[in-house]
N, C-alpha and C. Protein backbone atom coordinates (compact mmCIF):
# COMPACT_ATOMS: atom_id res chain seq x y z
N MET A 1 -15.79 -58.24 -39.99
CA MET A 1 -16.88 -59.22 -39.99
C MET A 1 -17.76 -59.25 -41.05
N GLN A 2 -17.73 -60.35 -41.86
CA GLN A 2 -18.60 -60.33 -43.05
C GLN A 2 -19.98 -60.60 -42.79
N GLN A 3 -20.83 -59.98 -43.28
CA GLN A 3 -22.41 -60.06 -42.99
C GLN A 3 -22.96 -61.37 -44.01
N PRO A 4 -23.29 -62.42 -43.15
CA PRO A 4 -23.84 -63.51 -43.90
C PRO A 4 -25.11 -63.16 -44.95
N ALA A 5 -25.30 -63.78 -45.91
CA ALA A 5 -26.39 -63.49 -46.72
C ALA A 5 -27.69 -63.79 -45.95
N ASP A 6 -28.84 -62.98 -46.35
CA ASP A 6 -30.10 -62.99 -45.64
C ASP A 6 -30.02 -63.00 -44.14
N HIS A 7 -28.97 -62.16 -43.64
CA HIS A 7 -28.87 -61.90 -42.14
C HIS A 7 -28.96 -60.39 -41.92
N HIS A 8 -29.43 -59.99 -40.53
CA HIS A 8 -29.33 -58.66 -40.25
C HIS A 8 -28.53 -58.62 -38.89
N LEU A 9 -28.07 -57.38 -38.44
CA LEU A 9 -27.37 -57.09 -37.34
C LEU A 9 -28.27 -57.03 -36.02
N ALA A 10 -27.98 -57.88 -35.07
CA ALA A 10 -28.67 -57.52 -33.85
C ALA A 10 -27.68 -56.90 -32.88
N GLU A 11 -28.16 -56.03 -32.13
CA GLU A 11 -27.24 -55.40 -31.07
C GLU A 11 -28.03 -55.22 -29.70
N LEU A 12 -27.23 -55.45 -28.68
CA LEU A 12 -27.57 -55.22 -27.32
C LEU A 12 -26.61 -54.26 -26.71
N ASN A 13 -27.10 -53.15 -26.06
CA ASN A 13 -26.32 -52.41 -25.43
C ASN A 13 -26.84 -52.11 -23.93
N ILE A 14 -25.99 -52.09 -23.00
CA ILE A 14 -26.46 -52.03 -21.53
C ILE A 14 -25.60 -50.81 -20.91
N GLY A 15 -26.14 -50.27 -19.79
CA GLY A 15 -25.64 -49.29 -19.20
C GLY A 15 -26.20 -49.27 -17.63
N ARG A 16 -25.23 -48.79 -16.72
CA ARG A 16 -25.67 -48.68 -15.41
C ARG A 16 -25.86 -47.26 -15.12
N ILE A 17 -27.18 -46.98 -14.89
CA ILE A 17 -27.66 -45.62 -14.68
C ILE A 17 -27.20 -45.15 -13.36
N LYS A 18 -26.81 -43.98 -13.19
CA LYS A 18 -26.27 -43.29 -11.98
C LYS A 18 -27.46 -43.12 -10.82
N TYR A 19 -28.59 -42.77 -11.35
CA TYR A 19 -29.74 -42.38 -10.62
C TYR A 19 -31.01 -42.93 -11.28
N ASP A 20 -32.03 -43.07 -10.46
CA ASP A 20 -33.26 -43.74 -10.75
C ASP A 20 -33.80 -42.70 -11.93
N LEU A 21 -34.36 -43.34 -13.04
CA LEU A 21 -34.85 -42.59 -14.13
C LEU A 21 -35.87 -41.40 -13.73
N ALA A 22 -36.50 -41.34 -12.60
CA ALA A 22 -37.42 -40.34 -12.15
C ALA A 22 -36.60 -39.31 -11.57
N ASP A 23 -35.30 -39.59 -11.28
CA ASP A 23 -34.50 -38.40 -10.51
C ASP A 23 -34.25 -37.21 -11.57
N PRO A 24 -34.45 -35.86 -11.16
CA PRO A 24 -34.25 -34.80 -12.05
C PRO A 24 -32.94 -34.90 -12.80
N ARG A 25 -31.87 -35.59 -12.19
CA ARG A 25 -30.66 -35.56 -12.77
C ARG A 25 -30.67 -36.46 -14.09
N MET A 26 -31.60 -37.17 -14.26
CA MET A 26 -31.87 -38.12 -15.43
C MET A 26 -32.77 -37.49 -16.48
N ALA A 27 -33.31 -36.43 -16.11
CA ALA A 27 -34.48 -35.85 -16.73
C ALA A 27 -34.21 -35.61 -18.28
N GLU A 28 -33.04 -35.11 -18.47
CA GLU A 28 -32.75 -34.78 -20.05
C GLU A 28 -32.52 -36.20 -20.77
N PHE A 29 -31.92 -37.07 -20.15
CA PHE A 29 -31.82 -38.56 -20.83
C PHE A 29 -33.43 -39.19 -20.98
N ALA A 30 -34.00 -39.28 -19.96
CA ALA A 30 -35.28 -39.90 -19.91
C ALA A 30 -36.26 -39.24 -20.78
N ASP A 31 -36.26 -37.92 -20.63
CA ASP A 31 -37.30 -36.98 -21.48
C ASP A 31 -36.88 -37.15 -23.01
N ASN A 32 -35.94 -37.63 -23.53
CA ASN A 32 -35.54 -37.68 -24.92
C ASN A 32 -35.47 -39.13 -25.45
N LEU A 33 -35.83 -40.02 -24.57
CA LEU A 33 -35.70 -41.47 -25.11
C LEU A 33 -36.70 -41.66 -26.37
N ALA A 34 -37.89 -41.11 -26.21
CA ALA A 34 -38.86 -41.22 -27.34
C ALA A 34 -38.50 -40.65 -28.72
N LEU A 35 -37.74 -39.35 -28.44
CA LEU A 35 -37.20 -38.75 -29.70
C LEU A 35 -36.21 -39.60 -30.27
N VAL A 36 -35.20 -40.10 -29.36
CA VAL A 36 -34.01 -40.84 -30.01
C VAL A 36 -34.62 -42.19 -30.60
N ASN A 37 -35.43 -42.79 -29.82
CA ASN A 37 -36.09 -44.09 -30.44
C ASN A 37 -36.81 -43.70 -31.58
N GLY A 38 -37.47 -42.70 -31.79
CA GLY A 38 -38.25 -42.43 -32.98
C GLY A 38 -37.28 -42.16 -34.11
N ILE A 39 -36.22 -41.40 -33.96
CA ILE A 39 -35.32 -41.36 -34.93
C ILE A 39 -34.65 -42.56 -35.30
N ALA A 40 -34.36 -43.51 -34.48
CA ALA A 40 -33.95 -44.81 -34.83
C ALA A 40 -34.91 -45.57 -35.74
N GLU A 41 -36.08 -45.44 -35.44
CA GLU A 41 -37.21 -46.16 -36.11
C GLU A 41 -37.49 -45.67 -37.44
N ARG A 42 -37.00 -44.40 -37.75
CA ARG A 42 -37.10 -43.78 -39.01
C ARG A 42 -35.78 -43.86 -39.82
N SER A 43 -34.92 -44.33 -39.27
CA SER A 43 -33.36 -44.40 -39.87
C SER A 43 -33.33 -45.56 -41.01
N GLU A 44 -32.61 -45.19 -42.08
CA GLU A 44 -32.49 -46.24 -43.01
C GLU A 44 -31.75 -47.42 -42.31
N GLY A 45 -32.34 -48.56 -42.74
CA GLY A 45 -31.62 -49.78 -42.19
C GLY A 45 -32.29 -50.37 -40.87
N PHE A 46 -33.24 -49.44 -40.27
CA PHE A 46 -33.78 -49.98 -38.94
C PHE A 46 -34.72 -51.10 -39.34
N VAL A 47 -34.70 -52.23 -38.38
CA VAL A 47 -35.58 -53.14 -38.73
C VAL A 47 -36.52 -53.43 -37.47
N TRP A 48 -36.02 -53.35 -36.29
CA TRP A 48 -36.92 -53.67 -35.05
C TRP A 48 -36.16 -53.31 -33.85
N ARG A 49 -37.03 -52.94 -32.87
CA ARG A 49 -36.40 -52.76 -31.46
C ARG A 49 -37.29 -53.41 -30.32
N TYR A 50 -36.80 -53.80 -29.35
CA TYR A 50 -37.39 -54.44 -28.18
C TYR A 50 -38.01 -53.28 -27.57
N VAL A 51 -39.29 -53.30 -27.11
CA VAL A 51 -40.10 -52.57 -26.35
C VAL A 51 -40.83 -53.23 -25.28
N ASP A 52 -40.81 -52.76 -24.05
CA ASP A 52 -41.65 -53.32 -22.97
C ASP A 52 -42.77 -52.24 -22.67
N ASP A 53 -43.36 -52.43 -21.51
CA ASP A 53 -44.65 -51.62 -21.20
C ASP A 53 -44.34 -50.21 -21.04
N SER A 54 -42.97 -49.82 -20.76
CA SER A 54 -42.52 -48.36 -20.65
C SER A 54 -42.74 -47.65 -21.93
N GLY A 55 -42.87 -48.50 -23.09
CA GLY A 55 -42.85 -47.64 -24.35
C GLY A 55 -41.47 -47.80 -24.94
N ASN A 56 -40.34 -48.00 -23.97
CA ASN A 56 -39.08 -48.24 -24.52
C ASN A 56 -38.68 -49.65 -23.95
N ALA A 57 -37.56 -49.56 -23.33
CA ALA A 57 -36.97 -51.03 -22.76
C ALA A 57 -36.58 -50.66 -21.09
N THR A 58 -37.03 -49.53 -20.72
CA THR A 58 -36.57 -49.03 -19.53
C THR A 58 -37.10 -49.83 -18.23
N ASP A 59 -38.21 -50.51 -18.43
CA ASP A 59 -38.67 -51.38 -17.43
C ASP A 59 -38.06 -52.69 -17.27
N THR A 60 -37.44 -53.14 -18.31
CA THR A 60 -36.78 -54.31 -18.31
C THR A 60 -35.41 -54.38 -17.68
N ARG A 61 -35.42 -55.13 -16.42
CA ARG A 61 -34.22 -55.05 -15.73
C ARG A 61 -33.69 -56.32 -15.50
N PRO A 62 -33.01 -57.13 -16.48
CA PRO A 62 -32.66 -58.49 -16.36
C PRO A 62 -31.44 -58.88 -15.56
N PHE A 63 -30.98 -57.95 -14.89
CA PHE A 63 -29.74 -58.16 -14.18
C PHE A 63 -30.07 -58.04 -12.69
N ASP A 64 -29.15 -58.63 -11.87
CA ASP A 64 -29.18 -58.60 -10.35
C ASP A 64 -29.24 -56.98 -10.05
N ASP A 65 -28.28 -56.27 -10.77
CA ASP A 65 -28.23 -54.89 -10.42
C ASP A 65 -29.56 -54.14 -11.07
N PRO A 66 -30.39 -53.71 -10.36
CA PRO A 66 -31.52 -53.09 -11.07
C PRO A 66 -31.26 -51.53 -11.64
N LYS A 67 -30.08 -51.19 -11.41
CA LYS A 67 -29.51 -49.80 -12.17
C LYS A 67 -29.18 -50.24 -13.57
N ILE A 68 -29.00 -51.36 -14.09
CA ILE A 68 -28.64 -51.78 -15.41
C ILE A 68 -29.82 -51.76 -16.39
N ILE A 69 -29.60 -50.88 -17.34
CA ILE A 69 -30.87 -50.79 -18.26
C ILE A 69 -30.38 -51.37 -19.76
N VAL A 70 -31.31 -51.79 -20.62
CA VAL A 70 -30.95 -52.45 -21.78
C VAL A 70 -31.56 -51.80 -22.97
N ASN A 71 -30.90 -51.86 -24.12
CA ASN A 71 -31.49 -51.61 -25.30
C ASN A 71 -31.19 -52.73 -26.32
N LEU A 72 -32.11 -53.21 -27.09
CA LEU A 72 -32.00 -54.13 -28.06
C LEU A 72 -32.59 -53.87 -29.24
N SER A 73 -31.87 -54.08 -30.39
CA SER A 73 -32.48 -53.69 -31.67
C SER A 73 -31.91 -54.49 -32.79
N VAL A 74 -32.49 -54.37 -34.01
CA VAL A 74 -32.11 -55.24 -35.18
C VAL A 74 -31.98 -54.09 -36.38
N TRP A 75 -30.76 -54.30 -37.07
CA TRP A 75 -30.59 -53.35 -38.20
C TRP A 75 -30.18 -54.16 -39.40
N GLN A 76 -30.20 -53.55 -40.48
CA GLN A 76 -30.20 -54.28 -41.90
C GLN A 76 -28.46 -54.55 -41.89
N SER A 77 -27.68 -53.63 -41.40
CA SER A 77 -26.17 -53.87 -41.55
C SER A 77 -25.59 -52.98 -40.43
N VAL A 78 -24.21 -53.26 -40.39
CA VAL A 78 -23.46 -52.46 -39.48
C VAL A 78 -23.54 -51.06 -39.78
N ALA A 79 -23.27 -50.85 -41.02
CA ALA A 79 -23.36 -49.49 -41.59
C ALA A 79 -24.44 -48.55 -41.15
N ASP A 80 -25.64 -49.22 -41.35
CA ASP A 80 -26.85 -48.63 -40.98
C ASP A 80 -27.10 -48.30 -39.41
N LEU A 81 -26.56 -49.17 -38.57
CA LEU A 81 -26.42 -48.85 -37.05
C LEU A 81 -25.49 -47.78 -36.87
N GLU A 82 -24.49 -47.84 -37.61
CA GLU A 82 -23.32 -46.84 -37.30
C GLU A 82 -23.82 -45.38 -37.71
N ARG A 83 -24.57 -45.24 -38.80
CA ARG A 83 -25.10 -44.00 -39.24
C ARG A 83 -25.90 -43.38 -38.03
N PHE A 84 -26.78 -44.36 -37.61
CA PHE A 84 -27.73 -43.90 -36.48
C PHE A 84 -26.96 -43.51 -35.42
N VAL A 85 -26.09 -44.21 -34.71
CA VAL A 85 -25.38 -43.99 -33.63
C VAL A 85 -24.53 -42.80 -33.63
N TRP A 86 -23.71 -42.48 -34.80
CA TRP A 86 -22.78 -41.52 -34.80
C TRP A 86 -23.19 -40.42 -35.73
N GLN A 87 -24.18 -40.40 -36.53
CA GLN A 87 -24.53 -39.27 -37.41
C GLN A 87 -26.09 -38.73 -37.21
N THR A 88 -26.61 -39.01 -36.00
CA THR A 88 -27.98 -38.41 -35.70
C THR A 88 -27.81 -37.76 -34.35
N VAL A 89 -28.69 -37.10 -33.78
CA VAL A 89 -28.82 -36.65 -32.46
C VAL A 89 -28.48 -37.59 -31.31
N HIS A 90 -28.49 -38.91 -31.90
CA HIS A 90 -28.03 -39.95 -30.66
C HIS A 90 -26.61 -39.58 -30.24
N LYS A 91 -25.80 -39.10 -31.20
CA LYS A 91 -24.34 -38.98 -30.81
C LYS A 91 -24.29 -37.91 -29.78
N ARG A 92 -25.10 -37.00 -29.61
CA ARG A 92 -25.11 -35.97 -28.54
C ARG A 92 -25.29 -36.61 -27.33
N PHE A 93 -26.26 -37.50 -27.22
CA PHE A 93 -26.70 -38.01 -25.94
C PHE A 93 -25.52 -39.04 -25.50
N TYR A 94 -24.95 -39.87 -26.55
CA TYR A 94 -23.79 -40.65 -26.42
C TYR A 94 -22.64 -40.11 -25.71
N GLY A 95 -22.39 -38.74 -26.32
CA GLY A 95 -21.31 -37.97 -25.88
C GLY A 95 -21.47 -37.56 -24.46
N ARG A 96 -22.50 -37.56 -23.96
CA ARG A 96 -22.89 -37.20 -22.60
C ARG A 96 -23.29 -38.27 -21.67
N ARG A 97 -22.80 -39.47 -22.12
CA ARG A 97 -23.27 -40.66 -21.28
C ARG A 97 -22.72 -40.60 -19.82
N ALA A 98 -21.46 -40.08 -19.64
CA ALA A 98 -21.04 -39.86 -18.34
C ALA A 98 -21.92 -39.11 -17.27
N ASP A 99 -22.76 -38.39 -17.97
CA ASP A 99 -23.69 -37.57 -16.96
C ASP A 99 -24.69 -38.57 -16.47
N TRP A 100 -24.96 -39.51 -17.13
CA TRP A 100 -26.14 -40.42 -16.71
C TRP A 100 -25.68 -41.84 -16.34
N PHE A 101 -24.55 -42.22 -16.84
CA PHE A 101 -24.21 -43.68 -16.64
C PHE A 101 -22.90 -43.85 -16.12
N ALA A 102 -22.74 -44.75 -15.12
CA ALA A 102 -21.51 -45.03 -14.40
C ALA A 102 -20.67 -46.00 -15.26
N HIS A 103 -19.38 -45.68 -14.93
CA HIS A 103 -18.48 -46.81 -15.70
C HIS A 103 -18.66 -48.19 -15.42
N PHE A 104 -18.61 -48.88 -16.57
CA PHE A 104 -19.09 -50.24 -16.52
C PHE A 104 -17.79 -51.08 -16.93
N GLU A 105 -17.40 -52.11 -16.17
CA GLU A 105 -16.67 -52.92 -16.36
C GLU A 105 -17.06 -54.00 -17.32
N GLY A 106 -16.16 -54.31 -18.41
CA GLY A 106 -16.57 -55.49 -19.24
C GLY A 106 -17.42 -54.87 -20.44
N PRO A 107 -17.65 -55.70 -21.42
CA PRO A 107 -18.46 -55.23 -22.54
C PRO A 107 -19.88 -54.67 -22.21
N ALA A 108 -20.19 -53.66 -22.91
CA ALA A 108 -21.58 -53.11 -22.76
C ALA A 108 -22.27 -53.07 -24.10
N VAL A 109 -21.70 -53.64 -25.06
CA VAL A 109 -22.37 -53.77 -26.39
C VAL A 109 -21.87 -55.11 -26.97
N ALA A 110 -22.90 -55.82 -27.44
CA ALA A 110 -22.81 -57.12 -28.16
C ALA A 110 -23.48 -56.92 -29.50
N LEU A 111 -22.93 -57.40 -30.56
CA LEU A 111 -23.39 -57.45 -31.91
C LEU A 111 -23.37 -58.83 -32.38
N TRP A 112 -24.22 -59.30 -33.06
CA TRP A 112 -24.34 -60.65 -33.64
C TRP A 112 -25.28 -60.62 -34.97
N TRP A 113 -25.03 -61.63 -35.74
CA TRP A 113 -26.01 -61.85 -36.93
C TRP A 113 -27.24 -62.77 -36.67
N VAL A 114 -28.35 -62.25 -37.11
CA VAL A 114 -29.63 -63.06 -37.12
C VAL A 114 -29.90 -63.21 -38.45
N PRO A 115 -30.85 -64.30 -38.66
CA PRO A 115 -31.58 -64.52 -39.80
C PRO A 115 -32.62 -63.32 -40.06
N ALA A 116 -32.64 -62.90 -41.29
CA ALA A 116 -33.74 -61.78 -41.51
C ALA A 116 -35.13 -62.39 -40.98
N GLY A 117 -35.76 -61.48 -40.31
CA GLY A 117 -36.96 -61.90 -39.77
C GLY A 117 -37.02 -62.31 -38.29
N HIS A 118 -35.80 -62.50 -37.71
CA HIS A 118 -35.54 -63.19 -36.52
C HIS A 118 -35.60 -61.94 -35.56
N ARG A 119 -36.35 -62.05 -34.44
CA ARG A 119 -36.35 -60.88 -33.31
C ARG A 119 -35.65 -61.56 -31.92
N PRO A 120 -34.51 -61.30 -31.72
CA PRO A 120 -34.05 -61.73 -30.59
C PRO A 120 -34.60 -61.42 -29.34
N SER A 121 -34.63 -62.47 -28.39
CA SER A 121 -35.31 -62.19 -26.96
C SER A 121 -34.10 -61.62 -26.16
N ILE A 122 -34.74 -60.98 -25.03
CA ILE A 122 -33.59 -60.46 -23.98
C ILE A 122 -32.82 -61.62 -23.47
N GLU A 123 -33.23 -62.74 -23.27
CA GLU A 123 -32.37 -63.83 -22.85
C GLU A 123 -31.27 -64.19 -23.85
N GLU A 124 -31.65 -64.20 -25.15
CA GLU A 124 -30.64 -64.49 -26.18
C GLU A 124 -29.69 -63.47 -26.28
N ALA A 125 -29.99 -62.24 -26.25
CA ALA A 125 -29.19 -61.11 -26.22
C ALA A 125 -28.16 -61.28 -25.09
N LEU A 126 -28.62 -61.45 -23.90
CA LEU A 126 -27.83 -61.63 -22.77
C LEU A 126 -26.86 -62.67 -22.77
N ALA A 127 -27.20 -63.72 -23.46
CA ALA A 127 -26.35 -64.79 -23.59
C ALA A 127 -25.13 -64.45 -24.54
N ARG A 128 -25.55 -63.40 -25.66
CA ARG A 128 -24.44 -63.19 -26.44
C ARG A 128 -23.48 -62.12 -25.77
N LEU A 129 -24.06 -61.32 -25.05
CA LEU A 129 -23.08 -60.47 -24.23
C LEU A 129 -22.24 -61.15 -23.26
N ASP A 130 -22.67 -62.26 -22.75
CA ASP A 130 -22.06 -63.09 -21.74
C ASP A 130 -20.89 -63.88 -22.67
N HIS A 131 -21.24 -64.42 -23.67
CA HIS A 131 -20.19 -65.05 -24.48
C HIS A 131 -19.23 -64.07 -24.77
N LEU A 132 -19.40 -62.93 -25.33
CA LEU A 132 -18.47 -61.93 -25.76
C LEU A 132 -17.56 -61.68 -24.40
N LYS A 133 -18.10 -61.22 -23.32
CA LYS A 133 -17.47 -61.27 -22.06
C LYS A 133 -16.30 -62.33 -21.79
N ARG A 134 -16.76 -63.54 -21.84
CA ARG A 134 -16.21 -64.71 -21.50
C ARG A 134 -15.10 -65.17 -22.50
N HIS A 135 -15.38 -64.98 -23.90
CA HIS A 135 -14.55 -65.60 -24.89
C HIS A 135 -13.89 -64.47 -25.70
N GLY A 136 -14.43 -63.39 -25.64
CA GLY A 136 -13.91 -62.08 -26.46
C GLY A 136 -14.67 -62.27 -27.93
N PRO A 137 -14.44 -61.41 -28.80
CA PRO A 137 -15.22 -61.41 -30.00
C PRO A 137 -14.91 -62.57 -30.95
N SER A 138 -16.00 -62.99 -31.56
CA SER A 138 -16.06 -64.10 -32.37
C SER A 138 -17.22 -64.11 -33.26
N ASP A 139 -17.45 -65.09 -34.01
CA ASP A 139 -18.51 -65.02 -35.01
C ASP A 139 -19.89 -64.96 -34.24
N HIS A 140 -19.81 -65.56 -32.96
CA HIS A 140 -21.09 -65.76 -32.04
C HIS A 140 -21.42 -64.45 -31.56
N ALA A 141 -20.52 -63.50 -31.08
CA ALA A 141 -20.80 -62.27 -30.73
C ALA A 141 -19.63 -61.40 -30.70
N PHE A 142 -19.70 -60.20 -31.26
CA PHE A 142 -18.52 -59.35 -31.48
C PHE A 142 -18.86 -57.93 -31.12
N ASP A 143 -17.85 -57.15 -31.21
CA ASP A 143 -17.93 -55.64 -30.80
C ASP A 143 -17.80 -54.81 -32.03
N TRP A 144 -17.77 -53.57 -31.67
CA TRP A 144 -17.68 -52.58 -32.88
C TRP A 144 -16.28 -52.86 -33.61
N GLN A 145 -15.23 -52.99 -32.92
CA GLN A 145 -13.86 -53.21 -33.53
C GLN A 145 -14.06 -54.47 -34.54
N ARG A 146 -14.53 -55.50 -34.03
CA ARG A 146 -14.67 -56.65 -34.77
C ARG A 146 -15.65 -56.56 -35.99
N ALA A 147 -16.68 -55.59 -35.81
CA ALA A 147 -17.52 -55.45 -36.85
C ALA A 147 -16.94 -54.60 -38.15
N SER A 148 -15.66 -54.20 -37.90
CA SER A 148 -14.98 -53.31 -38.90
C SER A 148 -15.82 -52.07 -39.07
N ALA A 149 -16.47 -51.66 -37.87
CA ALA A 149 -17.00 -50.35 -37.86
C ALA A 149 -16.17 -49.17 -38.27
N GLN A 150 -16.42 -48.24 -39.05
CA GLN A 150 -15.57 -47.13 -39.50
C GLN A 150 -15.80 -45.79 -38.48
N LEU A 151 -17.06 -45.53 -38.44
CA LEU A 151 -17.45 -44.29 -37.64
C LEU A 151 -17.06 -44.54 -36.25
N TRP A 152 -17.10 -45.62 -35.68
CA TRP A 152 -16.84 -45.97 -34.25
C TRP A 152 -15.33 -45.52 -34.06
N LYS A 153 -14.41 -45.94 -34.83
CA LYS A 153 -13.07 -45.52 -34.69
C LYS A 153 -12.84 -44.11 -34.50
N THR A 154 -13.58 -43.26 -35.24
CA THR A 154 -13.34 -41.82 -35.13
C THR A 154 -13.91 -41.44 -33.59
N ALA A 155 -15.23 -41.94 -33.47
CA ALA A 155 -16.12 -41.67 -32.18
C ALA A 155 -15.26 -42.01 -30.93
N ARG A 156 -14.73 -43.03 -30.86
CA ARG A 156 -14.04 -43.41 -29.61
C ARG A 156 -12.89 -42.66 -29.21
N CYS A 157 -12.43 -42.11 -30.16
CA CYS A 157 -11.29 -41.36 -29.87
C CYS A 157 -11.55 -39.77 -29.57
N ALA A 158 -12.88 -39.50 -29.96
CA ALA A 158 -13.19 -38.04 -29.56
C ALA A 158 -13.05 -37.64 -28.13
N PRO A 159 -12.77 -36.35 -27.83
CA PRO A 159 -12.73 -35.92 -26.40
C PRO A 159 -14.15 -36.06 -25.76
N THR A 160 -14.13 -36.13 -24.51
CA THR A 160 -15.24 -36.17 -23.69
C THR A 160 -16.30 -35.09 -24.05
N GLY A 161 -17.45 -35.39 -24.22
CA GLY A 161 -18.36 -34.28 -24.78
C GLY A 161 -18.74 -34.36 -26.12
N GLN A 162 -17.69 -34.75 -26.95
CA GLN A 162 -17.71 -34.83 -28.28
C GLN A 162 -17.74 -36.32 -28.74
N VAL A 163 -18.27 -36.55 -29.91
CA VAL A 163 -18.51 -38.10 -30.39
C VAL A 163 -17.70 -38.15 -31.80
N ALA A 164 -17.97 -37.20 -32.69
CA ALA A 164 -17.46 -37.24 -33.99
C ALA A 164 -16.93 -35.93 -34.39
């Protein structure tokens, strides 16, 4: 997927938590959100992330299922997002996602290009995810594979508990 001039990469990822965020079984995940988000914000290519009153995005529950939480951010490029996801402490938490998140049918990540300076709303992001689910990857919304992500290819094949 070729990045248009003067555009950045928006990403939405969603997950269905197994337990309430206050449940002790979610503590390691919940207690490290600020750490992981802080690393994201200091990462090369980070532009913006959606934050609600919780200080992250965990109070935003836009689905009928209240166990689905969202994360929405903007990055300068696919490579910048990939480096954060697969080459920082984030990969340790991603590798343990089965501890905290239930299996999810359908796409859980949507990527799309936004004009530099644009901050997508949750509604816009959900519409992109829905488009990806209904129509598959396209210029309107795509996944890691369509983004020609390189680190993702290695990470998706890693054994459970490992990412890269």
